[in-house]
C-alpha cells in the first residue's frame, strides 16, 4: 500500500443497522485510507452485505455515520456516489442492451465525454477480453461474461472508491489475473478497493488489510501477519479465519 495524505476514502463511525429485531451490524467503526485494498471477510449472515449497502447508499444506518471521500452518504450522497463504483455479487445488466450499449449508457450517466469513454473503454475491452461478445445482447451472456462487463462499467469513470462483492466468481483464470492487475494498479494510483469475498486465497494474495466481521461485529482488523498474531496461528488465512470466528462463538 502507498501512503496518500488526506481524508480517508471510506469512514464508518458507530454504524448500527437492524432488520426488525435482528441486529445485522452493531457499532461498526472503520476507516479505509486512499491507496488500500481492504478485504472484508465473514461467515454467511455476518453483516458483510449490509455494511456494503450502507457504504454505497442503498441502505441507511439506524445509527452512526458513513462517508466516502469526505462526503456523508446520507446528506451528500450524490457527491459521494460520483466518486465510487459498486459491483454486487450478482451482476445486473439490462437484457435488451448489448454490452457496448450498456457501457455507453453508464458513461453518459457519469458525464464522460465520448473521447474519454472510448479511450478508457478500449483499454478495458483489451484487458478484460470482452471484445468478442460486446455487441451481442446481454441476455445471452454467461455469468462470467456479465461479470466482465460490469467490472468494465465500474472502472469506466475512474472512481476513487471501488466497492466489490465476490469479484472473481465466474471468471476464467486469465481474467482473474487481469482483474488482480487492474486492482493493484487502481490502489497504486491512489484508489481504494473495499472487497468482500469468501475466496480467502484472493484476500490473502491482494489485501493490504483484512477485516473479519462475525454476528455484526468487527472481531479482527489488520494485516495478515497481525491477524496471525491475534489468532496465534502461522498458517493460511483460512486457518486464521476459522480460529477467530470460532473463538468469537465461544
C-alpha atoms as a PDB file:
ATOM      1  CA  UNK A   1       0.000   0.000   0.000  1.00  0.00           C
ATOM      2  CA  UNK A   2       1.237   3.506  -0.865  1.00  0.00           C
ATOM      3  CA  UNK A   3       0.703   6.304   1.638  1.00  0.00           C
ATOM      4  CA  UNK A   4      -1.673   9.053   0.467  1.00  0.00           C
ATOM      5  CA  UNK A   5      -2.261  12.135   2.574  1.00  0.00           C
ATOM      6  CA  UNK A   6      -5.762  13.459   3.157  1.00  0.00           C
ATOM      7  CA  UNK A   7      -9.270  12.405   4.017  1.00  0.00           C
ATOM      8  CA  UNK A   8      -9.860   8.631   4.363  1.00  0.00           C
ATOM      9  CA  UNK A   9     -11.599   7.134   1.359  1.00  0.00           C
ATOM     10  CA  UNK A  10     -14.239   5.384   3.499  1.00  0.00           C
ATOM     11  CA  UNK A  11     -15.354   6.160   7.042  1.00  0.00           C
ATOM     12  CA  UNK A  12     -17.873   4.256   9.143  1.00  0.00           C
ATOM     13  CA  UNK A  13     -18.374   5.628  12.638  1.00  0.00           C
ATOM     14  CA  UNK A  14     -20.581   3.884  15.207  1.00  0.00           C
ATOM     15  CA  UNK A  15     -22.731   2.321  12.498  1.00  0.00           C
ATOM     16  CA  UNK A  16     -25.677   0.175  13.531  1.00  0.00           C
ATOM     17  CA  UNK A  17     -28.341  -1.486  11.378  1.00  0.00           C
ATOM     18  CA  UNK A  18     -31.253  -3.744  12.333  1.00  0.00           C
ATOM     19  CA  UNK A  19     -33.928  -5.620  10.430  1.00  0.00           C
ATOM     20  CA  UNK A  20     -36.802  -5.749  12.876  1.00  0.00           C
ATOM     21  CA  UNK A  21     -35.422  -7.475  15.958  1.00  0.00           C
ATOM     22  CA  UNK A  22     -32.397  -8.820  14.103  1.00  0.00           C
ATOM     23  CA  UNK A  23     -29.273  -6.728  14.639  1.00  0.00           C
ATOM     24  CA  UNK A  24     -27.255  -7.072  11.430  1.00  0.00           C
ATOM     25  CA  UNK A  25     -24.428  -4.610  12.172  1.00  0.00           C
ATOM     26  CA  UNK A  26     -23.557  -3.318  15.619  1.00  0.00           C
ATOM     27  CA  UNK A  27     -21.387  -0.326  16.469  1.00  0.00           C
ATOM     28  CA  UNK A  28     -19.097  -0.677  13.445  1.00  0.00           C
ATOM     29  CA  UNK A  29     -16.289   1.892  13.221  1.00  0.00           C
ATOM     30  CA  UNK A  30     -13.757   1.614  10.420  1.00  0.00           C
ATOM     31  CA  UNK A  31     -11.548   3.875   8.279  1.00  0.00           C
ATOM     32  CA  UNK A  32     -10.119   2.838   4.908  1.00  0.00           C
ATOM     33  CA  UNK A  33      -7.392   5.156   3.574  1.00  0.00           C
ATOM     34  CA  UNK A  34      -6.622   6.051  -0.011  1.00  0.00           C
ATOM     35  CA  UNK A  35      -4.420   3.534  -1.777  1.00  0.00           C
ATOM     36  CA  UNK A  36      -5.603   0.479   0.187  1.00  0.00           C
ATOM     37  CA  UNK A  37      -7.193  -2.773  -0.905  1.00  0.00           C
ATOM     38  CA  UNK A  38      -9.287  -3.816   2.068  1.00  0.00           C
ATOM     39  CA  UNK A  39     -10.725  -7.338   2.260  1.00  0.00           C
ATOM     40  CA  UNK A  40     -13.916  -7.729   4.292  1.00  0.00           C
ATOM     41  CA  UNK A  41     -14.487 -11.300   5.405  1.00  0.00           C
ATOM     42  CA  UNK A  42     -17.121 -13.094   7.424  1.00  0.00           C
ATOM     43  CA  UNK A  43     -19.408 -16.142   7.508  1.00  0.00           C
ATOM     44  CA  UNK A  44     -22.760 -16.078   5.751  1.00  0.00           C
ATOM     45  CA  UNK A  45     -25.126 -13.701   7.551  1.00  0.00           C
ATOM     46  CA  UNK A  46     -22.290 -11.920   9.361  1.00  0.00           C
ATOM     47  CA  UNK A  47     -23.261  -8.434   8.134  1.00  0.00           C
ATOM     48  CA  UNK A  48     -20.974  -8.028   5.116  1.00  0.00           C
ATOM     49  CA  UNK A  49     -23.630  -7.227   2.517  1.00  0.00           C
ATOM     50  CA  UNK A  50     -25.497  -4.905   4.889  1.00  0.00           C
ATOM     51  CA  UNK A  51     -22.261  -2.990   5.508  1.00  0.00           C
ATOM     52  CA  UNK A  52     -21.555  -2.735   1.797  1.00  0.00           C
ATOM     53  CA  UNK A  53     -25.067  -1.472   1.054  1.00  0.00           C
ATOM     54  CA  UNK A  54     -24.649   1.258   3.686  1.00  0.00           C
ATOM     55  CA  UNK A  55     -21.318   2.330   2.180  1.00  0.00           C
ATOM     56  CA  UNK A  56     -22.796   2.676  -1.321  1.00  0.00           C
ATOM     57  CA  UNK A  57     -26.021   4.319  -0.151  1.00  0.00           C
ATOM     58  CA  UNK A  58     -28.502   1.510  -0.773  1.00  0.00           C
ATOM     59  CA  UNK A  59     -29.278   1.317   2.955  1.00  0.00           C
ATOM     60  CA  UNK A  60     -29.210   3.948   5.657  1.00  0.00           C
ATOM     61  CA  UNK A  61     -27.807   3.078   9.064  1.00  0.00           C
ATOM     62  CA  UNK A  62     -30.122   3.272  12.064  1.00  0.00           C
ATOM     63  CA  UNK A  63     -27.291   4.965  13.924  1.00  0.00           C
ATOM     64  CA  UNK A  64     -23.855   6.252  13.015  1.00  0.00           C
ATOM     65  CA  UNK A  65     -22.148   7.960  10.110  1.00  0.00           C
ATOM     66  CA  UNK A  66     -20.927   6.763   6.707  1.00  0.00           C
ATOM     67  CA  UNK A  67     -18.794   8.884   4.362  1.00  0.00           C
ATOM     68  CA  UNK A  68     -16.987   8.364   1.071  1.00  0.00           C
ATOM     69  CA  UNK A  69     -14.136  10.743   0.190  1.00  0.00           C
ATOM     70  CA  UNK A  70     -15.299  13.143   2.891  1.00  0.00           C
ATOM     71  CA  UNK A  71     -18.911  13.249   1.698  1.00  0.00           C
ATOM     72  CA  UNK A  72     -21.593  11.886   4.020  1.00  0.00           C
ATOM     73  CA  UNK A  73     -23.719   9.263   2.289  1.00  0.00           C
ATOM     74  CA  UNK A  74     -26.913  10.466   3.955  1.00  0.00           C
ATOM     75  CA  UNK A  75     -26.647  14.233   3.442  1.00  0.00           C
ATOM     76  CA  UNK A  76     -24.330  14.477   0.425  1.00  0.00           C
ATOM     77  CA  UNK A  77     -24.956  11.191  -1.306  1.00  0.00           C
ATOM     78  CA  UNK A  78     -24.685  12.431  -4.898  1.00  0.00           C
ATOM     79  CA  UNK A  79     -21.152  13.751  -4.346  1.00  0.00           C
ATOM     80  CA  UNK A  80     -20.167  10.519  -2.594  1.00  0.00           C
ATOM     81  CA  UNK A  81     -21.626   8.261  -5.286  1.00  0.00           C
ATOM     82  CA  UNK A  82     -19.869  10.224  -8.047  1.00  0.00           C
ATOM     83  CA  UNK A  83     -16.596   9.041  -6.518  1.00  0.00           C
ATOM     84  CA  UNK A  84     -17.448   5.367  -6.110  1.00  0.00           C
ATOM     85  CA  UNK A  85     -18.458   2.327  -8.090  1.00  0.00           C
ATOM     86  CA  UNK A  86     -20.259  -0.754  -6.811  1.00  0.00           C
ATOM     87  CA  UNK A  87     -20.158  -4.278  -8.214  1.00  0.00           C
ATOM     88  CA  UNK A  88     -22.631  -6.583  -6.410  1.00  0.00           C
ATOM     89  CA  UNK A  89     -22.226 -10.336  -6.181  1.00  0.00           C
ATOM     90  CA  UNK A  90     -24.926 -10.812  -8.830  1.00  0.00           C
ATOM     91  CA  UNK A  91     -24.043  -8.648 -11.859  1.00  0.00           C
ATOM     92  CA  UNK A  92     -27.032  -6.794 -13.298  1.00  0.00           C
ATOM     93  CA  UNK A  93     -27.173  -5.635 -16.925  1.00  0.00           C
ATOM     94  CA  UNK A  94     -30.229  -4.668 -18.986  1.00  0.00           C
ATOM     95  CA  UNK A  95     -31.031  -7.772 -21.046  1.00  0.00           C
ATOM     96  CA  UNK A  96     -32.161  -5.934 -24.179  1.00  0.00           C
ATOM     97  CA  UNK A  97     -28.966  -3.890 -24.481  1.00  0.00           C
ATOM     98  CA  UNK A  98     -25.709  -5.076 -25.914  1.00  0.00           C
ATOM     99  CA  UNK A  99     -22.707  -4.909 -23.633  1.00  0.00           C
ATOM    100  CA  UNK A 100     -21.408  -1.903 -25.568  1.00  0.00           C
ATOM    101  CA  UNK A 101     -24.749  -0.083 -25.298  1.00  0.00           C
ATOM    102  CA  UNK A 102     -24.763  -0.729 -21.553  1.00  0.00           C
ATOM    103  CA  UNK A 103     -21.256   0.695 -21.177  1.00  0.00           C
ATOM    104  CA  UNK A 104     -22.183   3.750 -23.265  1.00  0.00           C
ATOM    105  CA  UNK A 105     -25.215   4.254 -21.011  1.00  0.00           C
ATOM    106  CA  UNK A 106     -23.021   4.135 -17.895  1.00  0.00           C
ATOM    107  CA  UNK A 107     -20.597   6.623 -19.448  1.00  0.00           C
ATOM    108  CA  UNK A 108     -23.452   9.044 -20.138  1.00  0.00           C
ATOM    109  CA  UNK A 109     -24.728   8.763 -16.559  1.00  0.00           C
ATOM    110  CA  UNK A 110     -21.328   9.861 -15.269  1.00  0.00           C
ATOM    111  CA  UNK A 111     -20.950  12.657 -17.819  1.00  0.00           C
ATOM    112  CA  UNK A 112     -17.931  11.122 -19.533  1.00  0.00           C
ATOM    113  CA  UNK A 113     -17.096  12.643 -22.910  1.00  0.00           C
ATOM    114  CA  UNK A 114     -17.077  10.417 -25.980  1.00  0.00           C
ATOM    115  CA  UNK A 115     -13.312  10.787 -26.280  1.00  0.00           C
ATOM    116  CA  UNK A 116     -12.718   9.865 -22.635  1.00  0.00           C
ATOM    117  CA  UNK A 117     -15.158   6.965 -22.881  1.00  0.00           C
ATOM    118  CA  UNK A 118     -13.558   5.486 -25.970  1.00  0.00           C
ATOM    119  CA  UNK A 119     -10.027   5.859 -24.620  1.00  0.00           C
ATOM    120  CA  UNK A 120     -10.851   4.131 -21.350  1.00  0.00           C
ATOM    121  CA  UNK A 121     -13.162   1.560 -22.911  1.00  0.00           C
ATOM    122  CA  UNK A 122     -10.609   0.464 -25.500  1.00  0.00           C
ATOM    123  CA  UNK A 123      -8.193  -0.342 -22.687  1.00  0.00           C
ATOM    124  CA  UNK A 124     -10.803  -2.219 -20.645  1.00  0.00           C
ATOM    125  CA  UNK A 125     -12.004  -4.219 -23.660  1.00  0.00           C
ATOM    126  CA  UNK A 126      -8.459  -5.426 -24.191  1.00  0.00           C
ATOM    127  CA  UNK A 127      -7.621  -6.022 -20.528  1.00  0.00           C
ATOM    128  CA  UNK A 128     -10.861  -7.909 -19.759  1.00  0.00           C
ATOM    129  CA  UNK A 129     -11.075  -9.636 -23.151  1.00  0.00           C
ATOM    130  CA  UNK A 130     -14.691  -8.642 -23.824  1.00  0.00           C
ATOM    131  CA  UNK A 131     -14.469  -7.545 -27.465  1.00  0.00           C
ATOM    132  CA  UNK A 132     -15.715 -10.852 -28.873  1.00  0.00           C
ATOM    133  CA  UNK A 133     -19.186 -10.613 -27.304  1.00  0.00           C
ATOM    134  CA  UNK A 134     -19.575  -6.902 -26.533  1.00  0.00           C
ATOM    135  CA  UNK A 135     -22.007  -6.282 -29.405  1.00  0.00           C
ATOM    136  CA  UNK A 136     -24.312  -9.189 -28.515  1.00  0.00           C
ATOM    137  CA  UNK A 137     -27.428  -8.748 -26.377  1.00  0.00           C
ATOM    138  CA  UNK A 138     -26.539  -9.279 -22.725  1.00  0.00           C
ATOM    139  CA  UNK A 139     -29.428 -11.728 -22.275  1.00  0.00           C
ATOM    140  CA  UNK A 140     -27.163 -14.272 -23.997  1.00  0.00           C
ATOM    141  CA  UNK A 141     -24.236 -13.728 -21.604  1.00  0.00           C
ATOM    142  CA  UNK A 142     -22.929 -16.239 -19.092  1.00  0.00           C
ATOM    143  CA  UNK A 143     -22.350 -15.131 -15.500  1.00  0.00           C
ATOM    144  CA  UNK A 144     -18.659 -14.645 -16.212  1.00  0.00           C
ATOM    145  CA  UNK A 145     -19.339 -12.524 -19.298  1.00  0.00           C
ATOM    146  CA  UNK A 146     -21.715 -10.327 -17.324  1.00  0.00           C
ATOM    147  CA  UNK A 147     -19.153 -10.014 -14.542  1.00  0.00           C
ATOM    148  CA  UNK A 148     -16.538  -8.764 -17.005  1.00  0.00           C
ATOM    149  CA  UNK A 149     -18.862  -6.113 -18.453  1.00  0.00           C
ATOM    150  CA  UNK A 150     -19.972  -4.949 -15.003  1.00  0.00           C
ATOM    151  CA  UNK A 151     -16.327  -4.644 -13.941  1.00  0.00           C
ATOM    152  CA  UNK A 152     -15.643  -2.564 -17.046  1.00  0.00           C
ATOM    153  CA  UNK A 153     -18.642  -0.367 -16.236  1.00  0.00           C
ATOM    154  CA  UNK A 154     -17.393   0.124 -12.672  1.00  0.00           C
ATOM    155  CA  UNK A 155     -13.942   1.241 -13.805  1.00  0.00           C
ATOM    156  CA  UNK A 156     -15.117   3.349 -16.741  1.00  0.00           C
ATOM    157  CA  UNK A 157     -15.443   6.634 -14.836  1.00  0.00           C
ATOM    158  CA  UNK A 158     -12.214   6.016 -12.882  1.00  0.00           C
ATOM    159  CA  UNK A 159     -13.786   6.038  -9.404  1.00  0.00           C
ATOM    160  CA  UNK A 160     -11.733   6.758  -6.314  1.00  0.00           C
ATOM    161  CA  UNK A 161     -13.517   4.002  -4.379  1.00  0.00           C
ATOM    162  CA  UNK A 162     -14.440   0.611  -5.802  1.00  0.00           C
ATOM    163  CA  UNK A 163     -16.756  -1.485  -3.632  1.00  0.00           C
ATOM    164  CA  UNK A 164     -16.998  -5.030  -4.897  1.00  0.00           C
ATOM    165  CA  UNK A 165     -18.682  -8.192  -3.656  1.00  0.00           C
ATOM    166  CA  UNK A 166     -17.178 -11.518  -4.804  1.00  0.00           C
ATOM    167  CA  UNK A 167     -15.197 -10.073  -7.727  1.00  0.00           C
ATOM    168  CA  UNK A 168     -13.781 -13.294  -9.172  1.00  0.00           C
ATOM    169  CA  UNK A 169     -16.885 -15.518  -9.305  1.00  0.00           C
ATOM    170  CA  UNK A 170     -17.392 -16.927 -12.795  1.00  0.00           C
ATOM    171  CA  UNK A 171     -14.134 -15.577 -14.201  1.00  0.00           C
ATOM    172  CA  UNK A 172     -11.614 -17.743 -16.037  1.00  0.00           C
ATOM    173  CA  UNK A 173      -8.017 -17.860 -14.714  1.00  0.00           C
ATOM    174  CA  UNK A 174      -6.680 -15.459 -17.359  1.00  0.00           C
ATOM    175  CA  UNK A 175      -9.309 -12.848 -16.495  1.00  0.00           C
ATOM    176  CA  UNK A 176      -8.692 -13.349 -12.781  1.00  0.00           C
ATOM    177  CA  UNK A 177      -5.056 -12.425 -13.386  1.00  0.00           C
ATOM    178  CA  UNK A 178      -6.102  -9.347 -15.382  1.00  0.00           C
ATOM    179  CA  UNK A 179      -8.518  -8.241 -12.657  1.00  0.00           C
ATOM    180  CA  UNK A 180      -5.850  -8.670  -9.980  1.00  0.00           C
ATOM    181  CA  UNK A 181      -3.533  -6.454 -12.023  1.00  0.00           C
ATOM    182  CA  UNK A 182      -6.265  -3.840 -12.517  1.00  0.00           C
ATOM    183  CA  UNK A 183      -6.933  -3.791  -8.769  1.00  0.00           C
ATOM    184  CA  UNK A 184      -3.244  -3.367  -7.972  1.00  0.00           C
ATOM    185  CA  UNK A 185      -2.927  -0.516 -10.472  1.00  0.00           C
ATOM    186  CA  UNK A 186      -6.032   1.143  -9.028  1.00  0.00           C
ATOM    187  CA  UNK A 187      -4.691   1.230  -5.474  1.00  0.00           C
ATOM    188  CA  UNK A 188      -1.172   2.218  -6.516  1.00  0.00           C
ATOM    189  CA  UNK A 189      -2.727   5.197  -8.266  1.00  0.00           C
ATOM    190  CA  UNK A 190      -4.435   6.319  -5.052  1.00  0.00           C
ATOM    191  CA  UNK A 191      -7.728   4.497  -5.447  1.00  0.00           C
ATOM    192  CA  UNK A 192      -9.324   2.382  -2.752  1.00  0.00           C
ATOM    193  CA  UNK A 193     -10.941  -1.035  -3.039  1.00  0.00           C
ATOM    194  CA  UNK A 194     -13.357  -2.445  -0.463  1.00  0.00           C
ATOM    195  CA  UNK A 195     -13.702  -6.101  -1.363  1.00  0.00           C
ATOM    196  CA  UNK A 196     -15.952  -8.711   0.215  1.00  0.00           C
ATOM    197  CA  UNK A 197     -15.142 -12.295  -0.645  1.00  0.00           C
ATOM    198  CA  UNK A 198     -15.395 -15.886   0.526  1.00  0.00           C
ATOM    199  CA  UNK A 199     -12.350 -16.748  -1.602  1.00  0.00           C
ATOM    200  CA  UNK A 200      -9.724 -16.430   1.098  1.00  0.00           C
ATOM    201  CA  UNK A 201      -6.843 -17.015  -1.323  1.00  0.00           C
ATOM    202  CA  UNK A 202      -7.819 -13.828  -3.155  1.00  0.00           C
ATOM    203  CA  UNK A 203      -7.857 -11.859   0.100  1.00  0.00           C
ATOM    204  CA  UNK A 204      -4.571 -13.390   1.210  1.00  0.00           C
ATOM    205  CA  UNK A 205      -2.909 -12.503  -2.095  1.00  0.00           C
ATOM    206  CA  UNK A 206      -4.257  -8.995  -2.677  1.00  0.00           C
ATOM    207  CA  UNK A 207      -5.308  -7.340   0.585  1.00  0.00           C
ATOM    208  CA  UNK A 208      -3.276  -4.695   2.382  1.00  0.00           C
ATOM    209  CA  UNK A 209      -5.527  -5.121   5.416  1.00  0.00           C
ATOM    210  CA  UNK A 210      -8.260  -7.550   6.332  1.00  0.00           C
ATOM    211  CA  UNK A 211     -11.338  -7.087   8.496  1.00  0.00           C
ATOM    212  CA  UNK A 212     -13.376 -10.014   9.809  1.00  0.00           C
ATOM    213  CA  UNK A 213     -16.997  -9.431  10.793  1.00  0.00           C
ATOM    214  CA  UNK A 214     -18.990 -12.006  12.749  1.00  0.00           C
ATOM    215  CA  UNK A 215     -22.530 -11.668  14.073  1.00  0.00           C
ATOM    216  CA  UNK A 216     -22.489  -7.992  13.086  1.00  0.00           C
ATOM    217  CA  UNK A 217     -19.296  -7.137  14.993  1.00  0.00           C
ATOM    218  CA  UNK A 218     -15.814  -6.445  13.682  1.00  0.00           C
ATOM    219  CA  UNK A 219     -13.824  -9.086  15.550  1.00  0.00           C
ATOM    220  CA  UNK A 220     -10.445  -8.663  13.829  1.00  0.00           C
ATOM    221  CA  UNK A 221      -8.683  -5.957  11.830  1.00  0.00           C
ATOM    222  CA  UNK A 222      -5.153  -5.708  10.496  1.00  0.00           C
ATOM    223  CA  UNK A 223      -2.604  -7.081   8.085  1.00  0.00           C
ATOM    224  CA  UNK A 224      -2.409 -10.825   7.551  1.00  0.00           C
ATOM    225  CA  UNK A 225       0.601 -11.020   9.871  1.00  0.00           C
ATOM    226  CA  UNK A 226      -1.280  -9.101  12.567  1.00  0.00           C
ATOM    227  CA  UNK A 227      -4.263 -11.434  12.285  1.00  0.00           C
ATOM    228  CA  UNK A 228      -1.981 -14.449  12.525  1.00  0.00           C
ATOM    229  CA  UNK A 229      -0.575 -12.996  15.742  1.00  0.00           C
ATOM    230  CA  UNK A 230      -4.066 -12.396  17.117  1.00  0.00           C
ATOM    231  CA  UNK A 231      -5.123 -15.945  16.235  1.00  0.00           C
ATOM    232  CA  UNK A 232      -1.769 -17.365  17.336  1.00  0.00           C
ATOM    233  CA  UNK A 233      -1.535 -19.134  14.002  1.00  0.00           C
ATOM    234  CA  UNK A 234       1.275 -19.071  11.444  1.00  0.00           C
ATOM    235  CA  UNK A 235      -0.641 -20.847   8.710  1.00  0.00           C
ATOM    236  CA  UNK A 236      -3.078 -19.783   6.000  1.00  0.00           C
ATOM    237  CA  UNK A 237      -5.741 -17.091   6.158  1.00  0.00           C
ATOM    238  CA  UNK A 238      -8.288 -19.917   6.185  1.00  0.00           C
ATOM    239  CA  UNK A 239      -6.820 -21.213   9.468  1.00  0.00           C
ATOM    240  CA  UNK A 240      -6.808 -17.700  10.931  1.00  0.00           C
ATOM    241  CA  UNK A 241     -10.383 -17.010   9.802  1.00  0.00           C
ATOM    242  CA  UNK A 242     -11.713 -20.232  11.304  1.00  0.00           C
ATOM    243  CA  UNK A 243      -9.804 -19.726  14.542  1.00  0.00           C
ATOM    244  CA  UNK A 244     -11.081 -16.168  15.083  1.00  0.00           C
ATOM    245  CA  UNK A 245     -14.715 -16.815  14.139  1.00  0.00           C
ATOM    246  CA  UNK A 246     -14.880 -19.995  16.234  1.00  0.00           C
ATOM    247  CA  UNK A 247     -13.320 -18.185  19.189  1.00  0.00           C
ATOM    248  CA  UNK A 248     -15.944 -15.454  18.810  1.00  0.00           C
ATOM    249  CA  UNK A 249     -18.712 -18.069  19.105  1.00  0.00           C
ATOM    250  CA  UNK A 250     -17.438 -19.354  22.427  1.00  0.00           C
END
